[in-house]
């Protein structure tokens, strides 16, 4: 028996040895130097070896060909190597450095290794860039320290507000400059607004397909942004799109399909509860109520009635499909891509559709001359929700049905507040905007001498926007007009020319210098027109036949142009790879300013020290990277409408002898002294790498002061100036006032696990304190609208609130300290701040800041044998919102619907409450009751995917195949009672930000997606 067992064992060993594949190889770095200590694992098995001192390895594989070797080494990127057959030659594997400071980062007019950077620059991690979002700004949210990104409307394709390191201005533009493949653009919403549609503006950057993006780098401090001079004060976002690769071609498909729904709805009274409230309010006001008659339908006063939110919100589909071809040869790299995106809105009959295409070309014409080209074309279409629709959903009485008895829509509420039927408005109003955009650039780069290059770029950005609106006679909005049709166009064309000379040279072994000088010019021209007609015999033509309208309405048109010329220069110096210096100067001349003030000069300087390169740091082996840096400089802002330094004319009608004649008169005061708004900024930063860069930390402290604010002031009526034709008061821009921002930013990137199971964590923290320092001589505050809670006041953050402070409910025997009509028990009581025994606007309002204490983001990514999981949390702590929706819903008049909070209203038998009694007083008293904590924690994105093994895919000639499921805004933890604490931040005005008033709500969504490469 023993002999038989020995024979069997020998045969099994012989068979196993016959099938074992002995693979030899060597591990090297990018410079060809051997790498000891690298792990070589046969994928799917437990077999592994470690490379020797000279980088050699020898591993036996008990697997059939083909199979995969996975090579890992701390400080280098993990690499998979396919082995298809046994070879006598040693397999050579070259690992690429995974050192964050050796990454190449796109900066203004060039590139730079991260280790040589002296300014504050952040890059969006690859884990974030894969999120399925409609516009590129959403990728900055929670991933870039210092960037506050807010979706100002949930309208598909709607607005996004971005502030980098706080608000520098008050009435001038505050969004960053976007540079797309070298073409600088401002995200100007007027590009997609012909002045016709009613509701949220469409985001111009939503025309960009995010799948095309290769990298996003954010320049934050003066050293990084001063190269853009007048356009860099609010930060710069540099977007680089994908190009092909040399000697490699691929066809790639990325697509997803998902469902969206409203994050939450507002609890409202049903029909029976509302009718009870209505009766109580009338009784407390000494009145009675009755049902309206002869309205063609019945009203529910006892049951549930109509749930207007349920009728308006829906589960909506979102889908995106992108196809790209990346190809290349030794001299040419080419990328061609196309995208189709369709997003239905969570409100009925709202949507956004995008068709886009892109071509990128990089061609080496000769050893000295290269050509770069980038062209993007897009077509977008949006059906926009009318501006008042969300407010109407909340306020329309639930007793009202959607349809009359004959099946047609109810048009108006028959009660005191004649609200329009919101479902009728959603389905039957036509409120659309269409935009065609072409963005292209062509550049040539010529090497004059070694290290000396000349580059010329020409580009164009053309935006053709058309808006159509039709209000049928069957809607409340169009009924009085017998149908109203409006058509508008806005055509904007911009051209750009950049001419730069760059020099990059290693001098000896200790010195390296790079420099750039250049001249750029840009001009933009916009022309718009609007035509209207009313009184249509039929609604069938909608806006397509204005000539059939009985009533001709006055058409209007507009035109404006602006130009910018610039000289720029920058020099970077590196000594011994330790000591870094950057000096930048830019001069900008803008047509927007007065004669003698058109030119602004924007210098900056920065110093850096790679401490970890010093010999004394060898005693700290766990500190692999340490760099300290500091910068200071000035940037500018010119983001105001053209012609503000000039006196402008307005159209007027006059009556002479019972005859109407037309004429023109000045409506603005000229300001030839109007000049640049300037921001001075200092930044101190530390970059730290620990444990062979397993942990990377970046921390920055900054201070910014903006002076000579471009502040728009209303001209007093006594001046005799006003714009009666446009129905607006006359304004003038002046250089007055100052604003400061100071803050701290922290970025941590940690490789927690690096084996088969990989775990990476990214954490960001941002804290910014904003303060108004001055509003000009003799001006302490600006209140834009008397009925608004917003105020700009010296010593407080921009966008603070001015409100009364509530002090409980008036009880029997109390002094009625209230400005409200109901001074009886049950009325709202307020605090007498100045102690004069009465409540007045002048003496008893307080100011409350709305800015958050800090914002944070946390991203964890995991991968194991083809599986990957990404979890992204975002938080905003300590901010405040004024809930204007709640203020309306807690009025308790019975004229409109109310919140379920009113079920606990004061009555003679329910006195222990903080909810005032029902009363027919329709005026809202702006108080701290409606200022709510807007703190929230959000699971912003979670995705789980599986990438099929390459050994399986190679048989089908597939390079990569990944399937995934993901969720956006899946869970939100907040005490805010509105629809959403994020989307409610009003981005239309910096003074009015933080007011939640009928904004299209945000959504949560779930997707399934596929990424395929051939």
Foldseek 3Di string as FASTA:
>chain_A
DVVVVVVVVVVVVVVQVVQKAKAKAFEAEPVRAGDWQKWKDFPPDPWIDTAHPRRIDITIDSDDPWTWIWIDDFQWDIDIDTDGDHDPDHHYHYTYGPFQQQDWDDFQPGIDRNLQDFADKDKQDPLLLPDDDQFDLVSCFQRDFQWDKFQQFQFAQFDIAIFGQDAFFFFFDQGAWEAEQNRTDDQDLVLQPQPPFAATGGGPRSQDDSVFWDIKMKGHFQLRQCLVFARDPRTYIYTYGDKADAPDKWKKKWKWKWKWWFPDAFFFQFQQVLLVLQQQQQVLAVHGDDDDPDQQAFFDRHDRFDQLVVVFFDIWMKMKMKIKMWDHHPFKTKIKMWMWIKTDGRTPQWIKIKTKIKIWMWGPPDPFKIKTKIKMKMKMKIFHQHHCLLLLSRWARRRDHQAGPVGAGRAFDPFPPTRGSSSCCNVPKGGMKMKIKMKMKMKMWGDPDVQKIKMKMKIKIKMKMKIKIKDDCSHPVQVVQNMKIKIKIKIKMKMKIKIKMKGWDDDPDWKTKIKMKIKMKMKMKMKMKMFMATQAPDCVCGNPCRPRGPGGDDIDMDMDMKMKIKIKMKMWMGGNSFKIKMKIKMWMAIQQAAPPARIDIKIKMKIKGFVLPDPVCVVVVFWNTKMKMKMKMKHWHDRDGGPLQHFDKAKDWDADPNDIDIDIDTQEDHHNHQHIWMKIKMKIKMWTAGRSNQKIKIKMKMKMKIFQHQDKDFDDVVVVHQRVVVPGTGIHTTRGWMKMKIWMKMWMWHFPDDDLKTKIKIKIKIFMAIFTATDHPPDAKDDPDPLAQFIHGHGAHFQKGKAWAWDFFDAPPDQQADPFPDSDGQHTHTDQQVPPSHDDSVGGIDIGHFAFRMKMKMWMWIHHSFKIKIWIKIWTHFGKAQEVSQLQQLQSASSIIHGPLCVQGDDPVRNPDRRGRRHNGNDGHGHCVRIDGLIKMFRAKIKIKGKDDVSVCVVVPWPIKMKMKMKGRPDMDDPDSDSHSRNQQNPPGRRNGRYRDSHHGHIMMMMIMMMTMD
